[in-house]
Amino acid sequence: MSEEVYGPERAQRLVTLLRVLAERIQELDRTGRLLDAAPELQKLLGNARSELFHYEVRSTYDTPEVAESRRIVEEALGDSELSLDDPDDDEPWRGGGKSKA
């Protein structure tokens, strides 16, 4: 699955990953080996942390179509020399800024 899209299949894999991690911790705890398995747990926790991060920020990912639309809008807004926010400019359509003859 693409990194840009966090679909239902990937979300289900994350749930499974978290459940496996929880089960492994419980198993190690029951057998009294919780701290002995520190390297294994570090790896499992790292994988879970990374995937949780991607899940958390999934809303900031753009599909290619959304990214293209955003680019078009930003390009259109960025090319304008017209500033309607300048209160001292009585004729903003002239594009010359504050120069008044």
N, C-alpha and C. Protein backbone atom coordinates (compact mmCIF):
# COMPACT_ATOMS: atom_id res chain seq x y z
N MET A 1 0.84 -1.19 0.00
CA MET A 1 0.00 0.00 0.00
C MET A 1 0.88 1.25 0.00
N SER A 2 0.44 2.25 -0.67
CA SER A 2 1.19 3.49 -0.79
C SER A 2 1.31 4.19 0.57
N GLU A 3 2.42 4.88 0.78
CA GLU A 3 2.63 5.64 2.01
C GLU A 3 1.65 6.81 2.12
N GLU A 4 1.14 7.31 0.98
CA GLU A 4 0.29 8.48 1.02
C GLU A 4 -1.12 8.18 1.48
N VAL A 5 -1.53 6.91 1.38
CA VAL A 5 -2.91 6.57 1.69
C VAL A 5 -2.93 5.58 2.84
N TYR A 6 -3.73 5.88 3.83
CA TYR A 6 -3.87 4.97 4.98
C TYR A 6 -5.27 4.42 4.92
N GLY A 7 -5.43 3.36 4.15
CA GLY A 7 -6.74 2.76 3.94
C GLY A 7 -7.14 1.79 5.03
N PRO A 8 -8.33 1.20 4.89
CA PRO A 8 -8.85 0.29 5.91
C PRO A 8 -7.98 -0.96 6.10
N GLU A 9 -7.37 -1.46 5.02
CA GLU A 9 -6.52 -2.64 5.15
C GLU A 9 -5.29 -2.33 6.01
N ARG A 10 -4.71 -1.18 5.78
CA ARG A 10 -3.53 -0.81 6.56
C ARG A 10 -3.91 -0.55 8.02
N ALA A 11 -5.06 0.04 8.24
CA ALA A 11 -5.54 0.28 9.61
C ALA A 11 -5.74 -1.06 10.33
N GLN A 12 -6.28 -2.04 9.62
CA GLN A 12 -6.49 -3.36 10.24
C GLN A 12 -5.15 -4.02 10.56
N ARG A 13 -4.16 -3.83 9.70
CA ARG A 13 -2.82 -4.37 9.99
C ARG A 13 -2.23 -3.71 11.24
N LEU A 14 -2.49 -2.42 11.43
CA LEU A 14 -2.02 -1.72 12.63
C LEU A 14 -2.69 -2.29 13.88
N VAL A 15 -3.99 -2.53 13.81
CA VAL A 15 -4.70 -3.12 14.95
C VAL A 15 -4.10 -4.49 15.27
N THR A 16 -3.84 -5.28 14.25
CA THR A 16 -3.24 -6.60 14.45
C THR A 16 -1.85 -6.48 15.07
N LEU A 17 -1.06 -5.54 14.58
CA LEU A 17 0.28 -5.31 15.12
C LEU A 17 0.22 -4.96 16.61
N LEU A 18 -0.71 -4.10 16.98
CA LEU A 18 -0.85 -3.71 18.39
C LEU A 18 -1.31 -4.88 19.25
N ARG A 19 -2.21 -5.69 18.72
CA ARG A 19 -2.67 -6.86 19.48
C ARG A 19 -1.55 -7.88 19.66
N VAL A 20 -0.76 -8.09 18.62
CA VAL A 20 0.38 -9.01 18.73
C VAL A 20 1.36 -8.50 19.78
N LEU A 21 1.62 -7.22 19.77
CA LEU A 21 2.52 -6.62 20.75
C LEU A 21 1.97 -6.83 22.17
N ALA A 22 0.69 -6.57 22.35
CA ALA A 22 0.07 -6.73 23.67
C ALA A 22 0.13 -8.19 24.13
N GLU A 23 -0.16 -9.10 23.23
CA GLU A 23 -0.11 -10.52 23.57
C GLU A 23 1.31 -10.95 23.93
N ARG A 24 2.29 -10.45 23.18
CA ARG A 24 3.69 -10.81 23.46
C ARG A 24 4.11 -10.29 24.82
N ILE A 25 3.73 -9.08 25.16
CA ILE A 25 4.06 -8.51 26.47
C ILE A 25 3.42 -9.35 27.57
N GLN A 26 2.17 -9.71 27.40
CA GLN A 26 1.49 -10.53 28.40
C GLN A 26 2.16 -11.90 28.55
N GLU A 27 2.53 -12.50 27.43
CA GLU A 27 3.19 -13.81 27.47
C GLU A 27 4.53 -13.72 28.21
N LEU A 28 5.31 -12.69 27.86
CA LEU A 28 6.61 -12.52 28.53
C LEU A 28 6.43 -12.25 30.02
N ASP A 29 5.39 -11.51 30.36
CA ASP A 29 5.13 -11.21 31.77
C ASP A 29 4.73 -12.47 32.53
N ARG A 30 3.87 -13.29 31.92
CA ARG A 30 3.43 -14.54 32.57
C ARG A 30 4.61 -15.48 32.84
N THR A 31 5.57 -15.49 31.93
CA THR A 31 6.71 -16.40 32.07
C THR A 31 7.87 -15.77 32.82
N GLY A 32 7.71 -14.53 33.27
CA GLY A 32 8.75 -13.85 34.04
C GLY A 32 9.95 -13.42 33.21
N ARG A 33 9.77 -13.24 31.91
CA ARG A 33 10.88 -12.86 31.03
C ARG A 33 10.70 -11.48 30.41
N LEU A 34 9.88 -10.68 31.00
CA LEU A 34 9.55 -9.37 30.42
C LEU A 34 10.79 -8.52 30.18
N LEU A 35 11.63 -8.39 31.17
CA LEU A 35 12.82 -7.55 31.01
C LEU A 35 13.93 -8.24 30.23
N ASP A 36 13.94 -9.57 30.24
CA ASP A 36 14.95 -10.30 29.46
C ASP A 36 14.74 -10.11 27.96
N ALA A 37 13.54 -9.79 27.55
CA ALA A 37 13.21 -9.65 26.14
C ALA A 37 13.28 -8.19 25.67
N ALA A 38 14.06 -7.38 26.36
CA ALA A 38 14.14 -5.96 26.03
C ALA A 38 14.48 -5.69 24.56
N PRO A 39 15.47 -6.37 23.96
CA PRO A 39 15.76 -6.10 22.54
C PRO A 39 14.58 -6.41 21.62
N GLU A 40 13.92 -7.52 21.88
CA GLU A 40 12.75 -7.89 21.07
C GLU A 40 11.64 -6.85 21.23
N LEU A 41 11.41 -6.45 22.47
CA LEU A 41 10.36 -5.47 22.72
C LEU A 41 10.69 -4.11 22.11
N GLN A 42 11.96 -3.74 22.13
CA GLN A 42 12.37 -2.47 21.50
C GLN A 42 12.01 -2.49 20.01
N LYS A 43 12.28 -3.61 19.36
CA LYS A 43 11.97 -3.71 17.93
C LYS A 43 10.47 -3.66 17.69
N LEU A 44 9.71 -4.44 18.46
CA LEU A 44 8.25 -4.44 18.30
C LEU A 44 7.65 -3.06 18.60
N LEU A 45 8.13 -2.43 19.66
CA LEU A 45 7.65 -1.10 20.01
C LEU A 45 8.00 -0.07 18.94
N GLY A 46 9.20 -0.20 18.37
CA GLY A 46 9.61 0.72 17.30
C GLY A 46 8.73 0.59 16.08
N ASN A 47 8.42 -0.65 15.70
CA ASN A 47 7.53 -0.87 14.55
C ASN A 47 6.14 -0.30 14.82
N ALA A 48 5.64 -0.57 16.02
CA ALA A 48 4.30 -0.07 16.38
C ALA A 48 4.29 1.46 16.42
N ARG A 49 5.33 2.04 16.99
CA ARG A 49 5.41 3.50 17.10
C ARG A 49 5.43 4.15 15.72
N SER A 50 6.21 3.59 14.84
CA SER A 50 6.31 4.13 13.48
C SER A 50 4.96 4.06 12.76
N GLU A 51 4.32 2.92 12.87
CA GLU A 51 3.03 2.76 12.19
C GLU A 51 1.95 3.63 12.83
N LEU A 52 1.98 3.77 14.15
CA LEU A 52 1.04 4.67 14.82
C LEU A 52 1.23 6.11 14.38
N PHE A 53 2.48 6.51 14.18
CA PHE A 53 2.75 7.86 13.70
C PHE A 53 2.11 8.06 12.33
N HIS A 54 2.31 7.10 11.42
CA HIS A 54 1.70 7.22 10.09
C HIS A 54 0.18 7.27 10.17
N TYR A 55 -0.39 6.50 11.06
CA TYR A 55 -1.84 6.51 11.22
C TYR A 55 -2.31 7.87 11.75
N GLU A 56 -1.57 8.39 12.72
CA GLU A 56 -1.96 9.67 13.35
C GLU A 56 -1.95 10.82 12.35
N VAL A 57 -0.98 10.83 11.45
CA VAL A 57 -0.86 11.96 10.52
C VAL A 57 -1.47 11.67 9.16
N ARG A 58 -2.23 10.61 9.06
CA ARG A 58 -2.78 10.22 7.75
C ARG A 58 -3.60 11.33 7.12
N SER A 59 -4.22 12.17 7.93
CA SER A 59 -5.06 13.23 7.36
C SER A 59 -4.24 14.29 6.66
N THR A 60 -2.94 14.33 6.91
CA THR A 60 -2.12 15.34 6.23
C THR A 60 -1.62 14.84 4.88
N TYR A 61 -1.78 13.56 4.61
CA TYR A 61 -1.37 13.02 3.31
C TYR A 61 -2.38 13.44 2.25
N ASP A 62 -1.88 13.77 1.10
CA ASP A 62 -2.74 14.10 -0.03
C ASP A 62 -2.69 12.99 -1.06
N THR A 63 -3.84 12.68 -1.63
CA THR A 63 -3.84 11.81 -2.79
C THR A 63 -3.23 12.62 -3.94
N PRO A 64 -2.79 11.98 -5.00
CA PRO A 64 -2.24 12.75 -6.13
C PRO A 64 -3.22 13.80 -6.67
N GLU A 65 -4.50 13.47 -6.68
CA GLU A 65 -5.50 14.42 -7.19
C GLU A 65 -5.61 15.64 -6.28
N VAL A 66 -5.63 15.41 -4.98
CA VAL A 66 -5.73 16.52 -4.03
C VAL A 66 -4.46 17.37 -4.09
N ALA A 67 -3.31 16.72 -4.19
CA ALA A 67 -2.05 17.46 -4.27
C ALA A 67 -2.02 18.34 -5.52
N GLU A 68 -2.50 17.83 -6.64
CA GLU A 68 -2.53 18.63 -7.87
C GLU A 68 -3.49 19.80 -7.73
N SER A 69 -4.64 19.58 -7.14
CA SER A 69 -5.59 20.68 -6.93
C SER A 69 -5.00 21.74 -6.01
N ARG A 70 -4.32 21.30 -4.95
CA ARG A 70 -3.69 22.24 -4.03
C ARG A 70 -2.61 23.05 -4.75
N ARG A 71 -1.83 22.38 -5.60
CA ARG A 71 -0.77 23.06 -6.34
C ARG A 71 -1.35 24.14 -7.26
N ILE A 72 -2.44 23.81 -7.94
CA ILE A 72 -3.07 24.77 -8.85
C ILE A 72 -3.57 25.99 -8.09
N VAL A 73 -4.21 25.78 -6.97
CA VAL A 73 -4.73 26.90 -6.17
C VAL A 73 -3.58 27.75 -5.64
N GLU A 74 -2.55 27.10 -5.09
CA GLU A 74 -1.41 27.86 -4.56
C GLU A 74 -0.69 28.63 -5.65
N GLU A 75 -0.58 28.03 -6.82
CA GLU A 75 0.05 28.72 -7.95
C GLU A 75 -0.77 29.93 -8.36
N ALA A 76 -2.07 29.79 -8.42
CA ALA A 76 -2.94 30.90 -8.81
C ALA A 76 -2.89 32.02 -7.77
N LEU A 77 -2.86 31.67 -6.51
CA LEU A 77 -2.80 32.69 -5.47
C LEU A 77 -1.43 33.34 -5.39
N GLY A 78 -0.39 32.60 -5.68
CA GLY A 78 0.97 33.10 -5.56
C GLY A 78 1.39 34.03 -6.68
N ASP A 79 0.78 33.92 -7.85
CA ASP A 79 1.19 34.73 -8.99
C ASP A 79 0.56 36.13 -9.00
N SER A 80 -0.38 36.36 -8.15
CA SER A 80 -1.10 37.62 -8.18
C SER A 80 -0.29 38.74 -7.53
N GLU A 81 -0.17 39.84 -8.23
CA GLU A 81 0.45 41.03 -7.66
C GLU A 81 -0.61 41.92 -7.03
N LEU A 82 -1.85 41.57 -7.21
CA LEU A 82 -2.97 42.32 -6.69
C LEU A 82 -3.12 42.05 -5.20
N SER A 83 -3.08 43.12 -4.42
CA SER A 83 -3.23 42.97 -2.98
C SER A 83 -4.47 43.70 -2.53
N LEU A 84 -5.49 42.96 -2.20
CA LEU A 84 -6.72 43.58 -1.72
C LEU A 84 -6.66 43.85 -0.23
N ASP A 85 -5.58 43.39 0.40
CA ASP A 85 -5.44 43.57 1.84
C ASP A 85 -4.76 44.88 2.22
N ASP A 86 -4.29 45.64 1.25
CA ASP A 86 -3.57 46.88 1.52
C ASP A 86 -4.58 48.02 1.67
N PRO A 87 -4.83 48.49 2.87
CA PRO A 87 -5.84 49.53 3.08
C PRO A 87 -5.45 50.89 2.49
N ASP A 88 -4.15 51.11 2.22
CA ASP A 88 -3.72 52.40 1.68
C ASP A 88 -3.80 52.44 0.16
N ASP A 89 -4.15 51.34 -0.46
CA ASP A 89 -4.19 51.27 -1.92
C ASP A 89 -5.63 51.46 -2.39
N ASP A 90 -5.93 52.66 -2.89
CA ASP A 90 -7.29 52.96 -3.33
C ASP A 90 -7.62 52.33 -4.68
N GLU A 91 -6.60 51.95 -5.45
CA GLU A 91 -6.81 51.38 -6.78
C GLU A 91 -5.99 50.09 -6.92
N PRO A 92 -6.35 49.01 -6.20
CA PRO A 92 -5.55 47.79 -6.21
C PRO A 92 -5.52 47.11 -7.57
N TRP A 93 -6.47 47.40 -8.44
CA TRP A 93 -6.52 46.75 -9.76
C TRP A 93 -5.41 47.24 -10.68
N ARG A 94 -4.77 48.35 -10.34
CA ARG A 94 -3.71 48.87 -11.20
C ARG A 94 -2.43 48.06 -11.03
N GLY A 95 -2.27 47.31 -9.95
CA GLY A 95 -1.12 46.44 -9.77
C GLY A 95 0.18 47.16 -9.48
N GLY A 96 0.16 48.46 -9.36
CA GLY A 96 1.39 49.20 -9.12
C GLY A 96 1.68 49.44 -7.67
N GLY A 97 0.90 48.88 -6.80
CA GLY A 97 1.14 49.07 -5.37
C GLY A 97 0.69 50.44 -4.90
N LYS A 98 1.59 51.15 -4.21
CA LYS A 98 1.21 52.40 -3.57
C LYS A 98 1.54 53.64 -4.40
N SER A 99 2.06 53.47 -5.58
CA SER A 99 2.41 54.65 -6.36
C SER A 99 1.16 55.32 -6.89
N LYS A 100 0.98 56.59 -6.53
CA LYS A 100 -0.18 57.36 -6.96
C LYS A 100 0.30 58.65 -7.62
N ALA A 101 -0.21 58.92 -8.78
CA ALA A 101 0.23 60.10 -9.51
C ALA A 101 -0.59 61.32 -9.19
